[in-house]
Protein backbone atom coordinates (compact mmCIF):
# COMPACT_ATOMS: atom_id res chain seq x y z
CA MET A 1 75.57 72.98 -8.65
CA SER A 2 72.41 75.03 -9.11
CA GLN A 3 71.73 78.17 -7.17
CA VAL A 4 68.38 79.61 -6.21
CA SER A 5 68.16 83.13 -7.53
CA GLN A 6 66.78 85.86 -5.32
CA ALA A 7 63.99 86.36 -7.87
CA THR A 8 62.55 82.90 -7.11
CA VAL A 9 62.43 83.44 -3.35
CA GLN A 10 59.28 85.22 -2.22
CA ARG A 11 60.18 87.65 0.51
CA VAL A 12 57.95 88.21 3.50
CA THR A 13 57.69 91.38 5.49
CA ALA A 14 59.40 91.73 8.84
CA ASP A 15 55.96 92.21 10.41
CA LEU A 16 54.71 88.89 9.01
CA TYR A 17 57.88 87.07 10.09
CA VAL A 18 57.55 88.43 13.62
CA GLU A 19 53.83 87.60 13.70
CA VAL A 20 54.56 83.96 12.82
CA GLN A 21 57.40 83.78 15.37
CA GLN A 22 55.08 85.22 18.03
CA PHE A 23 52.39 82.69 17.11
CA TYR A 24 54.78 79.81 17.81
CA ALA A 25 56.09 81.57 20.94
CA ARG A 26 52.49 81.50 22.26
CA GLN A 27 51.53 78.07 20.90
CA MET A 28 54.37 75.77 21.90
CA PRO A 29 54.71 76.76 25.59
CA LEU A 30 51.07 75.68 25.97
CA LEU A 31 52.04 72.18 24.84
CA GLU A 32 55.19 72.21 27.00
CA ALA A 33 53.04 73.18 30.02
CA ARG A 34 50.60 70.40 29.08
CA LYS A 35 47.77 72.90 28.66
CA LEU A 36 46.36 70.67 25.97
CA GLU A 37 42.94 72.27 25.49
CA GLU A 38 44.54 75.71 25.18
CA PHE A 39 47.17 74.36 22.78
CA LEU A 40 44.46 72.79 20.62
CA GLU A 41 42.61 76.10 20.47
CA THR A 42 45.57 77.32 18.37
CA LEU A 43 44.60 74.74 15.72
CA THR A 44 41.57 74.91 13.47
CA GLU A 45 38.68 72.70 14.58
CA ASP A 46 39.65 70.19 11.87
CA GLY A 47 43.40 70.69 12.38
CA SER A 48 45.72 67.73 11.93
CA ILE A 49 49.15 66.58 13.09
CA GLU A 50 50.96 63.83 11.19
CA HIS A 51 54.25 62.10 11.96
CA ARG A 52 56.26 60.62 9.07
CA PRO A 53 57.70 58.19 8.12
CA GLY A 54 55.83 55.24 9.55
CA GLY A 55 53.92 57.24 12.10
CA TRP A 56 50.33 58.31 12.49
CA LYS A 57 47.99 61.13 11.57
CA LEU A 58 45.48 62.60 14.01
CA GLU A 59 42.70 64.86 12.80
CA GLY A 60 40.42 67.21 14.66
CA ARG A 61 40.76 68.67 18.12
CA GLN A 62 38.95 65.81 19.87
CA GLN A 63 41.13 63.04 18.39
CA LEU A 64 44.24 65.11 19.11
CA LEU A 65 43.13 65.77 22.70
CA THR A 66 42.50 62.08 23.37
CA GLU A 67 45.94 61.11 22.07
CA MET A 68 47.76 63.95 23.81
CA ARG A 69 46.13 63.23 27.17
CA ALA A 70 47.29 59.61 26.89
CA ARG A 71 50.91 60.42 25.95
CA ARG A 72 51.94 63.75 27.47
CA GLY A 73 52.27 62.54 31.03
CA ASP A 74 53.04 64.54 34.14
CA PRO A 75 56.46 66.02 34.98
CA GLU A 76 55.70 65.52 38.70
CA GLN A 77 55.25 61.75 38.31
CA PRO A 78 58.16 59.34 38.61
CA LEU A 79 60.32 59.09 35.53
CA VAL A 80 58.72 57.00 32.84
CA GLU A 81 60.23 53.61 32.09
CA GLU A 82 62.33 53.37 28.96
CA ILE A 83 59.75 53.14 26.19
CA SER A 84 59.41 54.16 22.57
CA ALA A 85 56.60 56.25 21.10
CA ARG A 86 55.32 53.27 19.13
CA GLU A 87 55.33 50.96 22.18
CA ALA A 88 53.64 53.63 24.32
CA ARG A 89 50.83 53.91 21.75
CA GLU A 90 50.48 50.12 21.54
CA ARG A 91 50.36 49.79 25.35
CA ASN A 92 48.33 53.02 25.75
CA VAL A 93 50.70 54.57 28.29
CA SER A 94 52.38 57.95 28.67
CA TYR A 95 55.98 58.36 27.61
CA TYR A 96 56.64 61.81 29.06
CA ASP A 97 56.03 61.15 32.79
CA GLY A 98 58.81 62.65 34.88
CA LEU A 99 60.08 64.78 31.98
CA VAL A 100 60.01 68.45 31.12
CA TYR A 101 60.11 68.86 27.36
CA ARG A 102 60.88 71.87 25.18
CA TYR A 103 60.43 72.44 21.47
CA TRP A 104 63.21 74.26 19.62
CA PHE A 105 62.53 75.71 16.15
CA ASP A 106 65.07 77.12 13.70
CA ARG A 107 65.49 78.15 10.04
CA MET A 108 61.90 79.18 9.54
CA HIS A 109 60.79 79.70 5.94
CA ILE A 110 57.43 81.39 5.44
CA GLU A 111 55.62 81.24 2.11
CA PRO A 112 52.35 83.16 1.69
CA VAL A 113 49.82 81.11 -0.31
CA ASP A 114 47.08 83.73 -0.31
CA GLU A 115 45.89 86.55 1.92
CA ASP A 116 44.86 84.19 4.72
CA THR A 117 47.10 81.13 4.26
CA LEU A 118 50.80 80.57 4.95
CA ARG A 119 53.08 77.59 4.46
CA VAL A 120 55.76 77.49 7.13
CA ARG A 121 58.71 75.08 7.10
CA TYR A 122 61.24 74.83 9.90
CA GLN A 123 63.65 72.46 11.59
CA ALA A 124 62.79 71.29 15.09
CA ILE A 125 64.19 69.29 17.94
CA VAL A 126 62.62 68.31 21.26
CA SER A 127 64.69 68.26 24.44
CA MET A 128 63.62 66.27 27.49
CA THR A 129 64.97 66.97 30.98
CA ASP A 130 64.39 64.70 33.97
CA ALA A 131 64.32 65.74 37.64
CA ALA A 132 68.05 64.96 38.00
CA GLY A 133 68.86 67.36 35.15
CA LYS A 134 69.71 64.73 32.56
CA VAL A 135 68.86 65.97 29.08
CA SER A 136 68.05 63.79 26.09
CA PHE A 137 66.71 64.62 22.65
CA GLU A 138 64.16 63.33 20.19
CA PRO A 139 65.47 62.78 16.65
CA THR A 140 65.60 65.98 14.61
CA THR A 141 62.71 66.84 12.30
CA VAL A 142 61.51 69.06 9.50
CA VAL A 143 58.06 70.47 10.14
CA ASP A 144 55.64 71.71 7.47
CA ASP A 145 52.74 73.75 8.82
CA VAL A 146 49.83 75.35 7.07
CA LEU A 147 48.71 78.39 9.04
CA VAL A 148 45.43 80.15 8.32
CA ARG A 149 44.20 83.54 9.43
CA ILE A 150 40.69 83.54 10.90
CA ASP A 151 39.24 86.79 12.24
CA GLY A 152 42.74 88.27 12.25
CA GLU A 153 44.36 85.44 14.26
CA LEU A 154 46.69 82.67 13.05
CA TYR A 155 45.76 79.00 13.55
CA THR A 156 47.46 75.77 12.52
CA ARG A 157 45.39 73.90 9.94
CA SER A 158 47.91 71.11 9.47
CA ARG A 159 51.31 70.05 10.77
CA ILE A 160 53.44 67.36 9.14
CA VAL A 161 56.46 66.33 11.20
CA THR A 162 59.02 64.47 9.10
CA HIS A 163 61.57 62.77 11.32
CA ASP A 164 65.15 62.55 10.08
CA SER A 165 65.45 59.00 11.38
CA PRO A 166 63.18 56.40 9.78
CA ALA A 167 63.21 54.51 13.09
CA TRP A 168 62.21 57.57 15.15
CA ALA A 169 59.05 55.94 16.59
CA ASP A 170 61.13 53.07 17.99
CA LYS A 171 63.68 55.29 19.75
CA ILE A 172 63.66 54.89 23.52
CA HIS A 173 62.57 58.10 25.27
CA ASN A 174 64.98 59.25 27.96
CA PRO A 175 67.37 56.28 27.82
CA SER A 176 69.33 55.55 31.00
């Protein structure tokens, strides 16, 4: 069994680690609150989000906004019917109506590329809670982000979400 030596692991400063944590602490509640335009302002203009395997890639704030508006739904609406992400895209309907969702990140690894670019890898899970308090989860993922610093602020240039289940897009959201 091979071991990674400490010499091969690039250490980041505590300040940088906290800065990245604070970036996500500002970014993800915007998505959870369905403040889509504000969330997208945390991405570069040409930012992208890709879901793998067998998913889709969306590029640029406008394409992302169009897709997010169609899928994010409204927590005040009646609970969405049982539907998968793939079917919701095919039928052009929301799959988060009636649900409050939260993003949970853990085991963050930050790798500086240059003075203004970071690669960030972390594990994530999404919880969904309906009005009755029932909680369900999306399949677990590994997320690879490229963050860039522009005028002193961090932005997401790209996000690749790799789902642990190859059938993730066919999972029923909030099954009864």
